[in-house]
Amino acid sequence: MKRWWNEYLTALRKSYKYSRNRMCAMWRQQKEDVELRNTATFPPIKKAGMEGDFATEDHDIVRELLQAFSPALPPCEQEENVLASYNELLSEPIAKHKVKTAVFRASPDKAPERNDLLAQV
């Protein structure tokens, strides 16, 4: 060991080498991940309802998969008598004592609205 070299400098060199090697390994792994991400694509899939037509672009494949696994919802059919009963409810005035009874019937630690203010004051 040289006269000016001591144990502190040895520990410092080991720490530096460990950090440097770790950073190099992380950099190499990140570079490989980017290269893999750039080469990864979906395999071509057959388009629904079309003979011999395949989706090869990523955005077309994603659209086909979304249509296959999450189809559009059917239209909602409203009944006329339900709508009329809602209109009747809206036209009737609400008494103050009914509102007060409904609010105080709720648990005091529950929030009646989205503003998270509790019923208990």
PDB file of N, CA and C in Angstrom:
ATOM      1  N   MET A   1       0.847  -1.166   0.000  1.00  0.00           N
ATOM      2  CA  MET A   1       0.000   0.000   0.000  1.00  0.00           C
ATOM      3  C   MET A   1       0.897   1.236   0.000  1.00  0.00           C
ATOM      4  N   LYS A   2       0.516   2.194  -0.806  1.00  0.00           N
ATOM      5  CA  LYS A   2       1.299   3.411  -0.881  1.00  0.00           C
ATOM      6  C   LYS A   2       1.134   4.201   0.403  1.00  0.00           C
ATOM      7  N   ARG A   3       2.053   5.077   0.671  1.00  0.00           N
ATOM      8  CA  ARG A   3       2.055   5.819   1.919  1.00  0.00           C
ATOM      9  C   ARG A   3       0.838   6.741   2.057  1.00  0.00           C
ATOM     10  N   TRP A   4       0.399   7.343   0.976  1.00  0.00           N
ATOM     11  CA  TRP A   4      -0.711   8.280   1.054  1.00  0.00           C
ATOM     12  C   TRP A   4      -2.073   7.598   0.909  1.00  0.00           C
ATOM     13  N   TRP A   5      -2.085   6.310   0.494  1.00  0.00           N
ATOM     14  CA  TRP A   5      -3.352   5.572   0.317  1.00  0.00           C
ATOM     15  C   TRP A   5      -3.792   5.009   1.650  1.00  0.00           C
ATOM     16  N   ASN A   6      -5.066   5.159   2.001  1.00  0.00           N
ATOM     17  CA  ASN A   6      -5.534   4.637   3.281  1.00  0.00           C
ATOM     18  C   ASN A   6      -6.850   3.854   3.079  1.00  0.00           C
ATOM     19  N   GLU A   7      -7.402   3.338   4.178  1.00  0.00           N
ATOM     20  CA  GLU A   7      -8.608   2.508   4.103  1.00  0.00           C
ATOM     21  C   GLU A   7      -9.828   3.317   3.641  1.00  0.00           C
ATOM     22  N   TYR A   8      -9.860   4.580   3.998  1.00  0.00           N
ATOM     23  CA  TYR A   8     -10.976   5.427   3.582  1.00  0.00           C
ATOM     24  C   TYR A   8     -11.015   5.544   2.063  1.00  0.00           C
ATOM     25  N   LEU A   9      -9.850   5.744   1.430  1.00  0.00           N
ATOM     26  CA  LEU A   9      -9.796   5.848  -0.024  1.00  0.00           C
ATOM     27  C   LEU A   9     -10.163   4.525  -0.686  1.00  0.00           C
ATOM     28  N   THR A  10      -9.810   3.407  -0.088  1.00  0.00           N
ATOM     29  CA  THR A  10     -10.185   2.096  -0.616  1.00  0.00           C
ATOM     30  C   THR A  10     -11.699   1.928  -0.585  1.00  0.00           C
ATOM     31  N   ALA A  11     -12.340   2.288   0.519  1.00  0.00           N
ATOM     32  CA  ALA A  11     -13.794   2.189   0.632  1.00  0.00           C
ATOM     33  C   ALA A  11     -14.474   3.119  -0.362  1.00  0.00           C
ATOM     34  N   LEU A  12     -13.917   4.313  -0.539  1.00  0.00           N
ATOM     35  CA  LEU A  12     -14.476   5.272  -1.487  1.00  0.00           C
ATOM     36  C   LEU A  12     -14.378   4.736  -2.913  1.00  0.00           C
ATOM     37  N   ARG A  13     -13.254   4.122  -3.272  1.00  0.00           N
ATOM     38  CA  ARG A  13     -13.079   3.556  -4.607  1.00  0.00           C
ATOM     39  C   ARG A  13     -14.061   2.411  -4.844  1.00  0.00           C
ATOM     40  N   LYS A  14     -14.257   1.550  -3.842  1.00  0.00           N
ATOM     41  CA  LYS A  14     -15.204   0.443  -3.969  1.00  0.00           C
ATOM     42  C   LYS A  14     -16.627   0.964  -4.157  1.00  0.00           C
ATOM     43  N   SER A  15     -16.991   1.991  -3.405  1.00  0.00           N
ATOM     44  CA  SER A  15     -18.320   2.577  -3.522  1.00  0.00           C
ATOM     45  C   SER A  15     -18.517   3.191  -4.907  1.00  0.00           C
ATOM     46  N   TYR A  16     -17.495   3.880  -5.409  1.00  0.00           N
ATOM     47  CA  TYR A  16     -17.579   4.491  -6.727  1.00  0.00           C
ATOM     48  C   TYR A  16     -17.743   3.434  -7.809  1.00  0.00           C
ATOM     49  N   LYS A  17     -16.933   2.373  -7.744  1.00  0.00           N
ATOM     50  CA  LYS A  17     -17.004   1.311  -8.746  1.00  0.00           C
ATOM     51  C   LYS A  17     -18.376   0.629  -8.725  1.00  0.00           C
ATOM     52  N   TYR A  18     -18.899   0.377  -7.537  1.00  0.00           N
ATOM     53  CA  TYR A  18     -20.203  -0.261  -7.406  1.00  0.00           C
ATOM     54  C   TYR A  18     -21.284   0.622  -8.050  1.00  0.00           C
ATOM     55  N   SER A  19     -21.265   1.920  -7.738  1.00  0.00           N
ATOM     56  CA  SER A  19     -22.266   2.832  -8.287  1.00  0.00           C
ATOM     57  C   SER A  19     -22.134   2.951  -9.802  1.00  0.00           C
ATOM     58  N   ARG A  20     -20.903   3.044 -10.287  1.00  0.00           N
ATOM     59  CA  ARG A  20     -20.669   3.171 -11.720  1.00  0.00           C
ATOM     60  C   ARG A  20     -21.155   1.926 -12.456  1.00  0.00           C
ATOM     61  N   ASN A  21     -20.809   0.741 -11.941  1.00  0.00           N
ATOM     62  CA  ASN A  21     -21.224  -0.493 -12.591  1.00  0.00           C
ATOM     63  C   ASN A  21     -22.749  -0.656 -12.560  1.00  0.00           C
ATOM     64  N   ARG A  22     -23.362  -0.238 -11.474  1.00  0.00           N
ATOM     65  CA  ARG A  22     -24.822  -0.328 -11.364  1.00  0.00           C
ATOM     66  C   ARG A  22     -25.490   0.600 -12.377  1.00  0.00           C
ATOM     67  N   MET A  23     -24.976   1.819 -12.511  1.00  0.00           N
ATOM     68  CA  MET A  23     -25.545   2.751 -13.472  1.00  0.00           C
ATOM     69  C   MET A  23     -25.357   2.253 -14.907  1.00  0.00           C
ATOM     70  N   CYS A  24     -24.210   1.669 -15.199  1.00  0.00           N
ATOM     71  CA  CYS A  24     -23.976   1.127 -16.545  1.00  0.00           C
ATOM     72  C   CYS A  24     -24.945  -0.014 -16.843  1.00  0.00           C
ATOM     73  N   ALA A  25     -25.175  -0.878 -15.860  1.00  0.00           N
ATOM     74  CA  ALA A  25     -26.111  -1.990 -16.051  1.00  0.00           C
ATOM     75  C   ALA A  25     -27.527  -1.464 -16.269  1.00  0.00           C
ATOM     76  N   MET A  26     -27.912  -0.449 -15.517  1.00  0.00           N
ATOM     77  CA  MET A  26     -29.250   0.127 -15.690  1.00  0.00           C
ATOM     78  C   MET A  26     -29.373   0.782 -17.062  1.00  0.00           C
ATOM     79  N   TRP A  27     -28.333   1.457 -17.517  1.00  0.00           N
ATOM     80  CA  TRP A  27     -28.352   2.103 -18.824  1.00  0.00           C
ATOM     81  C   TRP A  27     -28.480   1.061 -19.935  1.00  0.00           C
ATOM     82  N   ARG A  28     -27.716  -0.048 -19.813  1.00  0.00           N
ATOM     83  CA  ARG A  28     -27.798  -1.115 -20.808  1.00  0.00           C
ATOM     84  C   ARG A  28     -29.207  -1.726 -20.845  1.00  0.00           C
ATOM     85  N   GLN A  29     -29.791  -1.959 -19.667  1.00  0.00           N
ATOM     86  CA  GLN A  29     -31.131  -2.540 -19.592  1.00  0.00           C
ATOM     87  C   GLN A  29     -32.164  -1.603 -20.208  1.00  0.00           C
ATOM     88  N   GLN A  30     -32.031  -0.307 -19.943  1.00  0.00           N
ATOM     89  CA  GLN A  30     -32.964   0.663 -20.507  1.00  0.00           C
ATOM     90  C   GLN A  30     -32.830   0.701 -22.025  1.00  0.00           C
ATOM     91  N   LYS A  31     -31.631   0.623 -22.530  1.00  0.00           N
ATOM     92  CA  LYS A  31     -31.404   0.633 -23.968  1.00  0.00           C
ATOM     93  C   LYS A  31     -32.030  -0.601 -24.613  1.00  0.00           C
ATOM     94  N   GLU A  32     -31.881  -1.762 -23.976  1.00  0.00           N
ATOM     95  CA  GLU A  32     -32.493  -2.984 -24.500  1.00  0.00           C
ATOM     96  C   GLU A  32     -34.015  -2.892 -24.461  1.00  0.00           C
ATOM     97  N   ASP A  33     -34.567  -2.301 -23.412  1.00  0.00           N
ATOM     98  CA  ASP A  33     -36.024  -2.151 -23.308  1.00  0.00           C
ATOM     99  C   ASP A  33     -36.561  -1.267 -24.430  1.00  0.00           C
ATOM    100  N   VAL A  34     -35.852  -0.170 -24.732  1.00  0.00           N
ATOM    101  CA  VAL A  34     -36.291   0.733 -25.796  1.00  0.00           C
ATOM    102  C   VAL A  34     -36.233   0.012 -27.135  1.00  0.00           C
ATOM    103  N   GLU A  35     -35.161  -0.745 -27.379  1.00  0.00           N
ATOM    104  CA  GLU A  35     -35.046  -1.484 -28.633  1.00  0.00           C
ATOM    105  C   GLU A  35     -36.146  -2.525 -28.753  1.00  0.00           C
ATOM    106  N   LEU A  36     -36.459  -3.208 -27.656  1.00  0.00           N
ATOM    107  CA  LEU A  36     -37.518  -4.213 -27.666  1.00  0.00           C
ATOM    108  C   LEU A  36     -38.874  -3.560 -27.898  1.00  0.00           C
ATOM    109  N   ARG A  37     -39.114  -2.405 -27.253  1.00  0.00           N
ATOM    110  CA  ARG A  37     -40.374  -1.698 -27.410  1.00  0.00           C
ATOM    111  C   ARG A  37     -40.562  -1.238 -28.861  1.00  0.00           C
ATOM    112  N   ASN A  38     -39.475  -0.840 -29.525  1.00  0.00           N
ATOM    113  CA  ASN A  38     -39.578  -0.370 -30.899  1.00  0.00           C
ATOM    114  C   ASN A  38     -39.851  -1.508 -31.873  1.00  0.00           C
ATOM    115  N   THR A  39     -39.448  -2.716 -31.527  1.00  0.00           N
ATOM    116  CA  THR A  39     -39.654  -3.837 -32.436  1.00  0.00           C
ATOM    117  C   THR A  39     -40.915  -4.626 -32.116  1.00  0.00           C
ATOM    118  N   ALA A  40     -41.520  -4.419 -30.957  1.00  0.00           N
ATOM    119  CA  ALA A  40     -42.697  -5.195 -30.565  1.00  0.00           C
ATOM    120  C   ALA A  40     -43.924  -4.691 -31.317  1.00  0.00           C
ATOM    121  N   THR A  41     -44.611  -5.603 -31.983  1.00  0.00           N
ATOM    122  CA  THR A  41     -45.851  -5.278 -32.669  1.00  0.00           C
ATOM    123  C   THR A  41     -46.837  -6.411 -32.432  1.00  0.00           C
ATOM    124  N   PHE A  42     -48.092  -6.124 -32.692  1.00  0.00           N
ATOM    125  CA  PHE A  42     -49.118  -7.150 -32.587  1.00  0.00           C
ATOM    126  C   PHE A  42     -49.078  -8.024 -33.837  1.00  0.00           C
ATOM    127  N   PRO A  43     -49.381  -9.289 -33.702  1.00  0.00           N
ATOM    128  CA  PRO A  43     -49.485 -10.107 -34.911  1.00  0.00           C
ATOM    129  C   PRO A  43     -50.749  -9.729 -35.672  1.00  0.00           C
ATOM    130  N   PRO A  44     -50.764  -9.896 -36.992  1.00  0.00           N
ATOM    131  CA  PRO A  44     -51.961  -9.551 -37.759  1.00  0.00           C
ATOM    132  C   PRO A  44     -53.147 -10.417 -37.341  1.00  0.00           C
ATOM    133  N   ILE A  45     -54.335  -9.809 -37.314  1.00  0.00           N
ATOM    134  CA  ILE A  45     -55.536 -10.569 -36.973  1.00  0.00           C
ATOM    135  C   ILE A  45     -56.572 -10.383 -38.080  1.00  0.00           C
ATOM    136  N   LYS A  46     -57.471 -11.351 -38.161  1.00  0.00           N
ATOM    137  CA  LYS A  46     -58.507 -11.317 -39.189  1.00  0.00           C
ATOM    138  C   LYS A  46     -59.586 -10.328 -38.783  1.00  0.00           C
ATOM    139  N   LYS A  47     -60.024  -9.507 -39.741  1.00  0.00           N
ATOM    140  CA  LYS A  47     -61.070  -8.521 -39.459  1.00  0.00           C
ATOM    141  C   LYS A  47     -62.415  -9.227 -39.377  1.00  0.00           C
ATOM    142  N   ALA A  48     -63.247  -8.752 -38.484  1.00  0.00           N
ATOM    143  CA  ALA A  48     -64.558  -9.362 -38.283  1.00  0.00           C
ATOM    144  C   ALA A  48     -65.463  -9.074 -39.475  1.00  0.00           C
ATOM    145  N   GLY A  49     -66.111 -10.125 -39.972  1.00  0.00           N
ATOM    146  CA  GLY A  49     -67.087  -9.973 -41.041  1.00  0.00           C
ATOM    147  C   GLY A  49     -66.506  -9.807 -42.425  1.00  0.00           C
ATOM    148  N   MET A  50     -65.186  -9.894 -42.577  1.00  0.00           N
ATOM    149  CA  MET A  50     -64.580  -9.726 -43.895  1.00  0.00           C
ATOM    150  C   MET A  50     -63.745 -10.966 -44.203  1.00  0.00           C
ATOM    151  N   GLU A  51     -63.966 -11.532 -45.352  1.00  0.00           N
ATOM    152  CA  GLU A  51     -63.242 -12.726 -45.759  1.00  0.00           C
ATOM    153  C   GLU A  51     -61.844 -12.375 -46.268  1.00  0.00           C
ATOM    154  N   GLY A  52     -60.845 -12.969 -45.680  1.00  0.00           N
ATOM    155  CA  GLY A  52     -59.474 -12.796 -46.152  1.00  0.00           C
ATOM    156  C   GLY A  52     -58.862 -11.437 -45.897  1.00  0.00           C
ATOM    157  N   ASP A  53     -59.506 -10.569 -45.128  1.00  0.00           N
ATOM    158  CA  ASP A  53     -58.967  -9.245 -44.850  1.00  0.00           C
ATOM    159  C   ASP A  53     -58.353  -9.245 -43.448  1.00  0.00           C
ATOM    160  N   PHE A  54     -57.112  -8.797 -43.339  1.00  0.00           N
ATOM    161  CA  PHE A  54     -56.403  -8.805 -42.067  1.00  0.00           C
ATOM    162  C   PHE A  54     -56.034  -7.394 -41.654  1.00  0.00           C
ATOM    163  N   ALA A  55     -56.068  -7.169 -40.359  1.00  0.00           N
ATOM    164  CA  ALA A  55     -55.609  -5.898 -39.800  1.00  0.00           C
ATOM    165  C   ALA A  55     -54.140  -6.057 -39.450  1.00  0.00           C
ATOM    166  N   THR A  56     -53.290  -5.220 -40.037  1.00  0.00           N
ATOM    167  CA  THR A  56     -51.854  -5.335 -39.797  1.00  0.00           C
ATOM    168  C   THR A  56     -51.294  -4.163 -39.006  1.00  0.00           C
ATOM    169  N   GLU A  57     -51.915  -3.001 -39.100  1.00  0.00           N
ATOM    170  CA  GLU A  57     -51.444  -1.837 -38.341  1.00  0.00           C
ATOM    171  C   GLU A  57     -51.906  -1.954 -36.893  1.00  0.00           C
ATOM    172  N   ASP A  58     -51.082  -1.459 -35.972  1.00  0.00           N
ATOM    173  CA  ASP A  58     -51.399  -1.579 -34.546  1.00  0.00           C
ATOM    174  C   ASP A  58     -52.726  -0.936 -34.188  1.00  0.00           C
ATOM    175  N   HIS A  59     -53.000   0.263 -34.707  1.00  0.00           N
ATOM    176  CA  HIS A  59     -54.245   0.947 -34.346  1.00  0.00           C
ATOM    177  C   HIS A  59     -55.466   0.212 -34.906  1.00  0.00           C
ATOM    178  N   ASP A  60     -55.327  -0.430 -36.095  1.00  0.00           N
ATOM    179  CA  ASP A  60     -56.437  -1.219 -36.640  1.00  0.00           C
ATOM    180  C   ASP A  60     -56.684  -2.469 -35.802  1.00  0.00           C
ATOM    181  N   ILE A  61     -55.611  -3.084 -35.334  1.00  0.00           N
ATOM    182  CA  ILE A  61     -55.735  -4.290 -34.507  1.00  0.00           C
ATOM    183  C   ILE A  61     -56.410  -3.951 -33.196  1.00  0.00           C
ATOM    184  N   VAL A  62     -56.015  -2.848 -32.592  1.00  0.00           N
ATOM    185  CA  VAL A  62     -56.625  -2.435 -31.324  1.00  0.00           C
ATOM    186  C   VAL A  62     -58.104  -2.161 -31.526  1.00  0.00           C
ATOM    187  N   ARG A  63     -58.482  -1.493 -32.614  1.00  0.00           N
ATOM    188  CA  ARG A  63     -59.892  -1.205 -32.894  1.00  0.00           C
ATOM    189  C   ARG A  63     -60.687  -2.503 -33.059  1.00  0.00           C
ATOM    190  N   GLU A  64     -60.119  -3.480 -33.783  1.00  0.00           N
ATOM    191  CA  GLU A  64     -60.803  -4.768 -33.967  1.00  0.00           C
ATOM    192  C   GLU A  64     -60.985  -5.489 -32.639  1.00  0.00           C
ATOM    193  N   LEU A  65     -59.954  -5.476 -31.799  1.00  0.00           N
ATOM    194  CA  LEU A  65     -60.063  -6.153 -30.503  1.00  0.00           C
ATOM    195  C   LEU A  65     -61.094  -5.471 -29.607  1.00  0.00           C
ATOM    196  N   LEU A  66     -61.136  -4.145 -29.620  1.00  0.00           N
ATOM    197  CA  LEU A  66     -62.134  -3.436 -28.815  1.00  0.00           C
ATOM    198  C   LEU A  66     -63.545  -3.745 -29.289  1.00  0.00           C
ATOM    199  N   GLN A  67     -63.740  -3.804 -30.593  1.00  0.00           N
ATOM    200  CA  GLN A  67     -65.074  -4.123 -31.109  1.00  0.00           C
ATOM    201  C   GLN A  67     -65.474  -5.549 -30.770  1.00  0.00           C
ATOM    202  N   ALA A  68     -64.497  -6.468 -30.752  1.00  0.00           N
ATOM    203  CA  ALA A  68     -64.808  -7.876 -30.485  1.00  0.00           C
ATOM    204  C   ALA A  68     -65.102  -8.123 -29.004  1.00  0.00           C
ATOM    205  N   PHE A  69     -64.326  -7.498 -28.120  1.00  0.00           N
ATOM    206  CA  PHE A  69     -64.459  -7.804 -26.697  1.00  0.00           C
ATOM    207  C   PHE A  69     -65.322  -6.826 -25.926  1.00  0.00           C
ATOM    208  N   SER A  70     -65.603  -5.664 -26.475  1.00  0.00           N
ATOM    209  CA  SER A  70     -66.519  -4.741 -25.805  1.00  0.00           C
ATOM    210  C   SER A  70     -67.446  -4.149 -26.858  1.00  0.00           C
ATOM    211  N   PRO A  71     -68.470  -4.917 -27.257  1.00  0.00           N
ATOM    212  CA  PRO A  71     -69.381  -4.432 -28.296  1.00  0.00           C
ATOM    213  C   PRO A  71     -70.198  -3.241 -27.816  1.00  0.00           C
ATOM    214  N   ALA A  72     -70.794  -2.539 -28.744  1.00  0.00           N
ATOM    215  CA  ALA A  72     -71.604  -1.371 -28.404  1.00  0.00           C
ATOM    216  C   ALA A  72     -72.843  -1.810 -27.623  1.00  0.00           C
ATOM    217  N   LEU A  73     -73.263  -0.978 -26.692  1.00  0.00           N
ATOM    218  CA  LEU A  73     -74.437  -1.280 -25.891  1.00  0.00           C
ATOM    219  C   LEU A  73     -75.701  -1.131 -26.726  1.00  0.00           C
ATOM    220  N   PRO A  74     -76.720  -1.939 -26.446  1.00  0.00           N
ATOM    221  CA  PRO A  74     -77.966  -1.790 -27.196  1.00  0.00           C
ATOM    222  C   PRO A  74     -78.647  -0.485 -26.809  1.00  0.00           C
ATOM    223  N   PRO A  75     -79.486   0.053 -27.684  1.00  0.00           N
ATOM    224  CA  PRO A  75     -80.174   1.309 -27.352  1.00  0.00           C
ATOM    225  C   PRO A  75     -81.130   1.113 -26.183  1.00  0.00           C
ATOM    226  N   CYS A  76     -81.216   2.119 -25.364  1.00  0.00           N
ATOM    227  CA  CYS A  76     -82.078   2.074 -24.184  1.00  0.00           C
ATOM    228  C   CYS A  76     -83.492   2.456 -24.585  1.00  0.00           C
ATOM    229  N   GLU A  77     -84.445   1.599 -24.238  1.00  0.00           N
ATOM    230  CA  GLU A  77     -85.843   1.867 -24.553  1.00  0.00           C
ATOM    231  C   GLU A  77     -86.546   2.369 -23.295  1.00  0.00           C
ATOM    232  N   GLN A  78     -87.078   3.572 -23.362  1.00  0.00           N
ATOM    233  CA  GLN A  78     -87.773   4.128 -22.211  1.00  0.00           C
ATOM    234  C   GLN A  78     -89.266   3.894 -22.370  1.00  0.00           C
ATOM    235  N   GLU A  79     -89.884   3.548 -21.275  1.00  0.00           N
ATOM    236  CA  GLU A  79     -91.327   3.364 -21.284  1.00  0.00           C
ATOM    237  C   GLU A  79     -91.989   4.715 -21.048  1.00  0.00           C
ATOM    238  N   GLU A  80     -93.101   4.935 -21.735  1.00  0.00           N
ATOM    239  CA  GLU A  80     -93.778   6.225 -21.638  1.00  0.00           C
ATOM    240  C   GLU A  80     -94.387   6.456 -20.260  1.00  0.00           C
ATOM    241  N   ASN A  81     -94.920   5.395 -19.632  1.00  0.00           N
ATOM    242  CA  ASN A  81     -95.574   5.583 -18.339  1.00  0.00           C
ATOM    243  C   ASN A  81     -94.561   5.906 -17.229  1.00  0.00           C
ATOM    244  N   VAL A  82     -93.330   5.427 -17.359  1.00  0.00           N
ATOM    245  CA  VAL A  82     -92.304   5.748 -16.369  1.00  0.00           C
ATOM    246  C   VAL A  82     -91.954   7.224 -16.456  1.00  0.00           C
ATOM    247  N   LEU A  83     -91.824   7.736 -17.661  1.00  0.00           N
ATOM    248  CA  LEU A  83     -91.502   9.143 -17.858  1.00  0.00           C
ATOM    249  C   LEU A  83     -92.626  10.030 -17.319  1.00  0.00           C
ATOM    250  N   ALA A  84     -93.872   9.614 -17.514  1.00  0.00           N
ATOM    251  CA  ALA A  84     -95.009  10.392 -17.013  1.00  0.00           C
ATOM    252  C   ALA A  84     -95.017  10.418 -15.495  1.00  0.00           C
ATOM    253  N   SER A  85     -94.670   9.286 -14.852  1.00  0.00           N
ATOM    254  CA  SER A  85     -94.661   9.268 -13.390  1.00  0.00           C
ATOM    255  C   SER A  85     -93.544  10.158 -12.839  1.00  0.00           C
ATOM    256  N   TYR A  86     -92.404  10.232 -13.531  1.00  0.00           N
ATOM    257  CA  TYR A  86     -91.348  11.143 -13.101  1.00  0.00           C
ATOM    258  C   TYR A  86     -91.811  12.591 -13.197  1.00  0.00           C
ATOM    259  N   ASN A  87     -92.523  12.927 -14.261  1.00  0.00           N
ATOM    260  CA  ASN A  87     -93.024  14.297 -14.413  1.00  0.00           C
ATOM    261  C   ASN A  87     -94.021  14.632 -13.310  1.00  0.00           C
ATOM    262  N   GLU A  88     -94.846  13.659 -12.897  1.00  0.00           N
ATOM    263  CA  GLU A  88     -95.790  13.891 -11.807  1.00  0.00           C
ATOM    264  C   GLU A  88     -95.051  14.164 -10.501  1.00  0.00           C
ATOM    265  N   LEU A  89     -93.991  13.418 -10.260  1.00  0.00           N
ATOM    266  CA  LEU A  89     -93.213  13.630  -9.037  1.00  0.00           C
ATOM    267  C   LEU A  89     -92.592  15.016  -9.014  1.00  0.00           C
ATOM    268  N   LEU A  90     -92.116  15.467 -10.153  1.00  0.00           N
ATOM    269  CA  LEU A  90     -91.463  16.768 -10.205  1.00  0.00           C
ATOM    270  C   LEU A  90     -92.450  17.918 -10.033  1.00  0.00           C
ATOM    271  N   SER A  91     -93.710  17.702 -10.418  1.00  0.00           N
ATOM    272  CA  SER A  91     -94.678  18.788 -10.325  1.00  0.00           C
ATOM    273  C   SER A  91     -95.241  18.943  -8.912  1.00  0.00           C
ATOM    274  N   GLU A  92     -95.130  17.909  -8.073  1.00  0.00           N
ATOM    275  CA  GLU A  92     -95.649  18.006  -6.702  1.00  0.00           C
ATOM    276  C   GLU A  92     -94.670  18.782  -5.826  1.00  0.00           C
ATOM    277  N   PRO A  93     -95.137  19.714  -5.014  1.00  0.00           N
ATOM    278  CA  PRO A  93     -94.232  20.428  -4.101  1.00  0.00           C
ATOM    279  C   PRO A  93     -93.785  19.500  -2.967  1.00  0.00           C
ATOM    280  N   ILE A  94     -92.557  19.697  -2.511  1.00  0.00           N
ATOM    281  CA  ILE A  94     -92.010  18.871  -1.429  1.00  0.00           C
ATOM    282  C   ILE A  94     -92.124  19.657  -0.131  1.00  0.00           C
ATOM    283  N   ALA A  95     -92.690  19.008   0.875  1.00  0.00           N
ATOM    284  CA  ALA A  95     -92.879  19.676   2.164  1.00  0.00           C
ATOM    285  C   ALA A  95     -91.560  19.721   2.924  1.00  0.00           C
ATOM    286  N   LYS A  96     -91.352  20.791   3.718  1.00  0.00           N
ATOM    287  CA  LYS A  96     -90.114  20.945   4.491  1.00  0.00           C
ATOM    288  C   LYS A  96     -89.950  19.835   5.515  1.00  0.00           C
ATOM    289  N   HIS A  97     -91.043  19.411   6.133  1.00  0.00           N
ATOM    290  CA  HIS A  97     -90.915  18.373   7.165  1.00  0.00           C
ATOM    291  C   HIS A  97     -90.492  17.035   6.558  1.00  0.00           C
ATOM    292  N   LYS A  98     -90.845  16.766   5.287  1.00  0.00           N
ATOM    293  CA  LYS A  98     -90.393  15.536   4.623  1.00  0.00           C
ATOM    294  C   LYS A  98     -88.888  15.575   4.377  1.00  0.00           C
ATOM    295  N   VAL A  99     -88.366  16.732   3.976  1.00  0.00           N
ATOM    296  CA  VAL A  99     -86.924  16.881   3.749  1.00  0.00           C
ATOM    297  C   VAL A  99     -86.172  16.714   5.065  1.00  0.00           C
ATOM    298  N   LYS A 100     -86.685  17.367   6.114  1.00  0.00           N
ATOM    299  CA  LYS A 100     -86.035  17.298   7.421  1.00  0.00           C
ATOM    300  C   LYS A 100     -86.030  15.860   7.939  1.00  0.00           C
ATOM    301  N   THR A 101     -87.133  15.155   7.785  1.00  0.00           N
ATOM    302  CA  THR A 101     -87.215  13.766   8.231  1.00  0.00           C
ATOM    303  C   THR A 101     -86.224  12.890   7.471  1.00  0.00           C
ATOM    304  N   ALA A 102     -86.126  13.083   6.162  1.00  0.00           N
ATOM    305  CA  ALA A 102     -85.222  12.277   5.345  1.00  0.00           C
ATOM    306  C   ALA A 102     -83.762  12.535   5.707  1.00  0.00           C
ATOM    307  N   VAL A 103     -83.405  13.801   5.951  1.00  0.00           N
ATOM    308  CA  VAL A 103     -82.008  14.128   6.282  1.00  0.00           C
ATOM    309  C   VAL A 103     -81.635  13.572   7.639  1.00  0.00           C
ATOM    310  N   PHE A 104     -82.502  13.716   8.622  1.00  0.00           N
ATOM    311  CA  PHE A 104     -82.165  13.250   9.964  1.00  0.00           C
ATOM    312  C   PHE A 104     -82.305  11.740  10.121  1.00  0.00           C
ATOM    313  N   ARG A 105     -82.974  11.089   9.175  1.00  0.00           N
ATOM    314  CA  ARG A 105     -83.063   9.634   9.211  1.00  0.00           C
ATOM    315  C   ARG A 105     -81.723   9.006   8.793  1.00  0.00           C
ATOM    316  N   ALA A 106     -80.918   9.731   8.036  1.00  0.00           N
ATOM    317  CA  ALA A 106     -79.621   9.232   7.581  1.00  0.00           C
ATOM    318  C   ALA A 106     -78.657   9.125   8.752  1.00  0.00           C
ATOM    319  N   SER A 107     -77.694   8.264   8.609  1.00  0.00           N
ATOM    320  CA  SER A 107     -76.669   8.100   9.642  1.00  0.00           C
ATOM    321  C   SER A 107     -75.867   9.397   9.766  1.00  0.00           C
ATOM    322  N   PRO A 108     -75.516   9.827  10.984  1.00  0.00           N
ATOM    323  CA  PRO A 108     -74.836  11.117  11.139  1.00  0.00           C
ATOM    324  C   PRO A 108     -73.428  11.154  10.558  1.00  0.00           C
ATOM    325  N   ASP A 109     -72.826   9.997  10.313  1.00  0.00           N
ATOM    326  CA  ASP A 109     -71.462  10.013   9.771  1.00  0.00           C
ATOM    327  C   ASP A 109     -71.440   9.794   8.254  1.00  0.00           C
ATOM    328  N   LYS A 110     -72.560   9.897   7.601  1.00  0.00           N
ATOM    329  CA  LYS A 110     -72.635   9.755   6.148  1.00  0.00           C
ATOM    330  C   LYS A 110     -72.770  11.123   5.503  1.00  0.00           C
ATOM    331  N   ALA A 111     -72.142  11.283   4.361  1.00  0.00           N
ATOM    332  CA  ALA A 111     -72.229  12.545   3.627  1.00  0.00           C
ATOM    333  C   ALA A 111     -73.396  12.467   2.650  1.00  0.00           C
ATOM    334  N   PRO A 112     -74.365  13.390   2.731  1.00  0.00           N
ATOM    335  CA  PRO A 112     -75.510  13.320   1.832  1.00  0.00           C
ATOM    336  C   PRO A 112     -75.208  13.766   0.409  1.00  0.00           C
ATOM    337  N   GLU A 113     -74.108  14.486   0.196  1.00  0.00           N
ATOM    338  CA  GLU A 113     -73.796  14.972  -1.137  1.00  0.00           C
ATOM    339  C   GLU A 113     -72.352  14.677  -1.480  1.00  0.00           C
ATOM    340  N   ARG A 114     -71.941  15.097  -2.662  1.00  0.00           N
ATOM    341  CA  ARG A 114     -70.577  14.827  -3.115  1.00  0.00           C
ATOM    342  C   ARG A 114     -69.536  15.727  -2.478  1.00  0.00           C
ATOM    343  N   ASN A 115     -69.938  16.749  -1.736  1.00  0.00           N
ATOM    344  CA  ASN A 115     -68.958  17.668  -1.152  1.00  0.00           C
ATOM    345  C   ASN A 115     -68.348  17.135   0.129  1.00  0.00           C
ATOM    346  N   ASP A 116     -68.714  15.911   0.542  1.00  0.00           N
ATOM    347  CA  ASP A 116     -68.159  15.227   1.697  1.00  0.00           C
ATOM    348  C   ASP A 116     -68.423  15.939   3.020  1.00  0.00           C
ATOM    349  N   LEU A 117     -69.418  16.807   3.075  1.00  0.00           N
ATOM    350  CA  LEU A 117     -69.795  17.405   4.356  1.00  0.00           C
ATOM    351  C   LEU A 117     -70.753  16.454   5.047  1.00  0.00           C
ATOM    352  N   LEU A 118     -70.461  16.141   6.284  1.00  0.00           N
ATOM    353  CA  LEU A 118     -71.271  15.188   7.017  1.00  0.00           C
ATOM    354  C   LEU A 118     -72.592  15.816   7.440  1.00  0.00           C
ATOM    355  N   ALA A 119     -73.610  14.962   7.664  1.00  0.00           N
ATOM    356  CA  ALA A 119     -74.917  15.438   8.119  1.00  0.00           C
ATOM    357  C   ALA A 119     -74.822  15.927   9.551  1.00  0.00           C
ATOM    358  N   GLN A 120     -73.881  15.371  10.309  1.00  0.00           N
ATOM    359  CA  GLN A 120     -73.724  15.762  11.716  1.00  0.00           C
ATOM    360  C   GLN A 120     -72.953  17.083  11.794  1.00  0.00           C
ATOM    361  N   VAL A 121     -73.507  18.048  12.472  1.00  0.00           N
ATOM    362  CA  VAL A 121     -72.854  19.357  12.576  1.00  0.00           C
ATOM    363  C   VAL A 121     -72.428  19.613  14.001  1.00  0.00           C
TER     364      VAL A 121
END
